[in-house]
Amino acid sequence: MRKLVLLVCLVAFCFSDNFEEGVKEYIRSGLDGSIEFFKKSCDIDNNAAGCFLAGFGMENSGDIKGLAMPLYQKACNMGDMNGCDAVGQIYAGIKTGEDADMQKAMPYLQKACDANLASSCIALGEYYSDGLDNDILKAKGYFKNGCDSKDGLSCFYYANLYDTKKLSGLSQDEIMEYYGLGCDYGDDMSCQKFRIKYKVLKK
């Protein structure tokens, strides 16, 4: 969370006093104390980053749809792709554990994925690889998009499509290379798969 706040802060250039105070308060006392400032940044300053972080804080309330969702929606409407991703994940049931409404989720996830937000690309890829609307080629494209954005988990999923024989066209060495990329980008599962592949292929 600390990295997320600082990253959003940099993207927003910390242009409002309320947003800056929210970041300072988060560093001082944690998320709960900062929500009020991020909410003001959203409502008064029309700061998209403030809306997203206020929504992120509201997730802990237990009322994601009632409290967090409107803030995420406002952030998305103002061009914050993290907000679009969050709305999409709520509709997809990823954040709530409820049944997915992919018809509502797809536009938000697609918008964020098109902006190279890997978590949305992964959500779409998983939907097409494991969901009711099975389309492995679409899944491949979404995972590749995330991997090209240097997201390790996306590289893992991309390699795994070939490793589990859902797709053909990559050699074992090439599959290992994608697991290696995922490992380089910080994904532990990719590292484990890379080590297993390396032991087998280099015997």
Protein backbone atom coordinates (compact mmCIF):
# COMPACT_ATOMS: atom_id res chain seq x y z
CA MET A 1 0.00 0.00 0.00
CA ARG A 2 2.80 2.43 0.82
CA LYS A 3 4.30 1.95 -2.66
CA LEU A 4 0.86 2.43 -4.21
CA VAL A 5 0.28 5.73 -2.39
CA LEU A 6 3.69 7.06 -3.40
CA LEU A 7 3.24 5.92 -7.00
CA VAL A 8 -0.17 7.57 -7.30
CA CYS A 9 1.29 10.64 -5.64
CA LEU A 10 3.98 10.88 -8.31
CA VAL A 11 1.44 10.39 -11.10
CA ALA A 12 -0.78 13.11 -9.63
CA PHE A 13 2.22 15.41 -9.05
CA CYS A 14 0.76 16.00 -5.56
CA PHE A 15 -0.96 19.11 -6.92
CA SER A 16 -3.55 19.63 -4.16
CA ASP A 17 -3.01 20.47 -0.50
CA ASN A 18 -5.59 17.89 0.56
CA PHE A 19 -3.85 15.17 -1.42
CA GLU A 20 -0.46 16.10 -0.01
CA GLU A 21 -1.89 16.10 3.51
CA GLY A 22 -3.40 12.68 2.84
CA VAL A 23 -0.02 11.28 1.82
CA LYS A 24 1.67 12.84 4.86
CA GLU A 25 -1.02 11.49 7.18
CA TYR A 26 -0.72 8.03 5.66
CA ILE A 27 3.02 8.04 6.30
CA ARG A 28 2.43 9.27 9.86
CA SER A 29 -0.50 7.15 10.99
CA GLY A 30 -1.59 4.75 8.26
CA LEU A 31 -4.51 4.44 5.91
CA ASP A 32 -7.41 5.20 8.26
CA GLY A 33 -6.12 8.64 9.14
CA SER A 34 -5.54 9.61 5.51
CA ILE A 35 -8.95 8.74 4.04
CA GLU A 36 -10.54 12.04 5.11
CA PHE A 37 -7.91 14.05 3.22
CA PHE A 38 -8.11 11.86 0.10
CA LYS A 39 -11.92 12.20 0.17
CA LYS A 40 -11.58 16.00 0.31
CA SER A 41 -9.08 15.85 -2.52
CA CYS A 42 -11.68 13.93 -4.52
CA ASP A 43 -14.79 15.97 -3.65
CA ILE A 44 -13.30 19.47 -3.40
CA ASP A 45 -10.26 19.38 -5.67
CA ASN A 46 -11.62 16.91 -8.26
CA ASN A 47 -8.36 14.98 -8.00
CA ALA A 48 -8.75 11.55 -9.61
CA ALA A 49 -5.88 10.10 -7.56
CA GLY A 50 -7.59 11.30 -4.39
CA CYS A 51 -10.81 9.55 -5.43
CA PHE A 52 -8.98 6.29 -6.07
CA LEU A 53 -7.09 6.32 -2.77
CA ALA A 54 -10.21 7.27 -0.82
CA GLY A 55 -11.96 4.32 -2.45
CA PHE A 56 -9.03 2.08 -1.66
CA GLY A 57 -9.31 3.09 1.97
CA MET A 58 -13.06 2.52 2.00
CA GLU A 59 -12.58 -1.11 0.96
CA ASN A 60 -11.75 -1.87 4.58
CA SER A 61 -15.23 -0.73 5.60
CA GLY A 62 -16.81 -3.94 4.39
CA ASP A 63 -19.16 -2.03 2.06
CA ILE A 64 -17.18 -2.07 -1.16
CA LYS A 65 -20.12 -1.48 -3.48
CA GLY A 66 -21.75 1.21 -1.36
CA LEU A 67 -18.71 3.24 -0.27
CA ALA A 68 -15.69 2.36 -2.37
CA MET A 69 -17.40 1.83 -5.73
CA PRO A 70 -18.65 5.43 -6.25
CA LEU A 71 -15.16 6.77 -5.53
CA TYR A 72 -13.53 4.30 -7.91
CA GLN A 73 -16.15 5.17 -10.52
CA LYS A 74 -15.43 8.88 -10.16
CA ALA A 75 -11.70 8.25 -10.43
CA CYS A 76 -12.25 6.22 -13.59
CA ASN A 77 -14.48 8.88 -15.12
CA MET A 78 -11.65 11.39 -14.57
CA GLY A 79 -9.14 9.16 -16.33
CA ASP A 80 -7.53 7.23 -13.46
CA MET A 81 -6.97 3.72 -14.81
CA ASN A 82 -6.52 2.27 -11.32
CA GLY A 83 -10.09 3.40 -10.67
CA CYS A 84 -11.32 1.69 -13.86
CA ASP A 85 -9.47 -1.48 -12.87
CA ALA A 86 -11.06 -1.42 -9.42
CA VAL A 87 -14.60 -0.96 -10.80
CA GLY A 88 -14.01 -3.79 -13.23
CA GLN A 89 -12.73 -6.08 -10.50
CA ILE A 90 -15.74 -5.30 -8.32
CA TYR A 91 -18.17 -6.20 -11.11
CA ALA A 92 -16.08 -9.29 -11.90
CA GLY A 93 -16.43 -10.43 -8.28
CA ILE A 94 -12.67 -10.39 -7.73
CA LYS A 95 -12.83 -7.87 -4.88
CA THR A 96 -16.15 -9.02 -3.40
CA GLY A 97 -16.21 -12.79 -3.88
CA GLU A 98 -19.69 -12.42 -5.41
CA ASP A 99 -20.88 -13.81 -8.73
CA ALA A 100 -19.30 -12.03 -11.67
CA ASP A 101 -21.21 -9.64 -13.91
CA MET A 102 -18.75 -9.68 -16.78
CA GLN A 103 -21.00 -7.67 -19.07
CA LYS A 104 -20.52 -4.73 -16.71
CA ALA A 105 -16.93 -5.57 -15.83
CA MET A 106 -15.53 -5.92 -19.34
CA PRO A 107 -15.59 -2.25 -20.46
CA TYR A 108 -13.71 -1.14 -17.35
CA LEU A 109 -11.17 -3.94 -17.47
CA GLN A 110 -10.65 -3.43 -21.20
CA LYS A 111 -10.10 0.30 -20.74
CA ALA A 112 -7.50 -0.27 -18.03
CA CYS A 113 -5.82 -3.10 -19.94
CA ASP A 114 -5.59 -0.90 -23.05
CA ALA A 115 -3.70 1.54 -20.83
CA ASN A 116 -1.28 -1.32 -19.96
CA LEU A 117 -2.59 -1.94 -16.44
CA ALA A 118 -1.56 -5.56 -16.02
CA SER A 119 -4.08 -6.52 -13.33
CA SER A 120 -6.93 -5.80 -15.74
CA CYS A 121 -5.22 -7.72 -18.54
CA ILE A 122 -4.84 -10.69 -16.19
CA ALA A 123 -8.50 -10.53 -15.17
CA LEU A 124 -9.55 -10.59 -18.82
CA GLY A 125 -7.07 -13.33 -19.64
CA GLU A 126 -8.32 -15.51 -16.80
CA TYR A 127 -11.91 -14.94 -17.90
CA TYR A 128 -11.16 -16.15 -21.42
CA SER A 129 -8.94 -19.03 -20.34
CA ASP A 130 -11.06 -20.37 -17.49
CA GLY A 131 -14.49 -18.72 -17.71
CA LEU A 132 -17.68 -19.64 -19.51
CA ASP A 133 -16.70 -17.65 -22.60
CA ASN A 134 -13.62 -19.76 -23.30
CA ASP A 135 -11.31 -18.27 -25.93
CA ILE A 136 -7.66 -19.26 -25.47
CA LEU A 137 -6.39 -16.99 -28.23
CA LYS A 138 -7.96 -13.97 -26.56
CA ALA A 139 -6.51 -15.09 -23.23
CA LYS A 140 -3.10 -15.36 -24.85
CA GLY A 141 -3.33 -11.79 -26.12
CA TYR A 142 -4.24 -10.38 -22.72
CA PHE A 143 -1.50 -12.28 -20.89
CA LYS A 144 1.04 -11.23 -23.53
CA ASN A 145 -0.04 -7.61 -23.14
CA GLY A 146 0.57 -7.79 -19.40
CA CYS A 147 3.90 -9.54 -19.87
CA ASP A 148 5.00 -6.91 -22.40
CA SER A 149 4.20 -4.35 -19.68
CA LYS A 150 6.75 -6.16 -17.48
CA ASP A 151 4.23 -7.79 -15.15
CA GLY A 152 5.65 -11.06 -13.87
CA LEU A 153 2.36 -12.83 -13.18
CA SER A 154 1.20 -12.10 -16.73
CA CYS A 155 4.35 -13.74 -18.08
CA PHE A 156 3.64 -16.76 -15.88
CA TYR A 157 0.11 -17.12 -17.23
CA TYR A 158 1.32 -16.65 -20.80
CA ALA A 159 3.98 -19.36 -20.47
CA ASN A 160 1.56 -21.63 -18.64
CA LEU A 161 -0.87 -21.66 -21.56
CA TYR A 162 1.83 -23.38 -23.59
CA ASP A 163 3.24 -25.40 -20.73
CA THR A 164 -0.15 -27.00 -20.02
CA LYS A 165 -0.72 -27.66 -23.76
CA LYS A 166 -3.68 -25.30 -24.03
CA LEU A 167 -1.70 -23.72 -26.87
CA SER A 168 1.07 -24.94 -29.12
CA GLY A 169 3.77 -22.99 -30.91
CA LEU A 170 6.45 -22.34 -28.27
CA SER A 171 9.38 -24.66 -27.66
CA GLN A 172 10.24 -25.75 -24.12
CA ASP A 173 13.21 -23.36 -24.20
CA GLU A 174 10.91 -20.48 -25.17
CA ILE A 175 8.45 -21.39 -22.42
CA MET A 176 11.33 -21.38 -19.96
CA GLU A 177 12.38 -17.94 -21.22
CA TYR A 178 8.93 -16.51 -20.45
CA TYR A 179 9.01 -18.04 -16.99
CA GLY A 180 12.44 -16.41 -16.66
CA LEU A 181 10.98 -13.06 -17.65
CA GLY A 182 8.24 -13.47 -15.07
CA CYS A 183 10.88 -14.26 -12.46
CA ASP A 184 12.91 -11.21 -13.48
CA TYR A 185 9.78 -9.09 -13.01
CA GLY A 186 9.30 -10.43 -9.48
CA ASP A 187 6.83 -13.32 -9.75
CA ASP A 188 7.69 -16.22 -7.43
CA MET A 189 5.67 -18.83 -9.33
CA SER A 190 7.60 -17.96 -12.48
CA CYS A 191 10.86 -18.42 -10.61
CA GLN A 192 9.79 -21.87 -9.42
CA LYS A 193 8.72 -22.94 -12.90
CA PHE A 194 11.92 -21.57 -14.42
CA ARG A 195 14.05 -23.61 -12.00
CA ILE A 196 12.07 -26.79 -12.74
CA LYS A 197 12.34 -26.26 -16.49
CA TYR A 198 16.03 -25.47 -16.26
CA LYS A 199 16.78 -28.67 -14.35
CA VAL A 200 14.88 -30.77 -16.88
CA LEU A 201 16.13 -29.08 -20.05
CA LYS A 202 19.76 -28.73 -19.01
CA LYS A 203 20.31 -32.33 -17.94
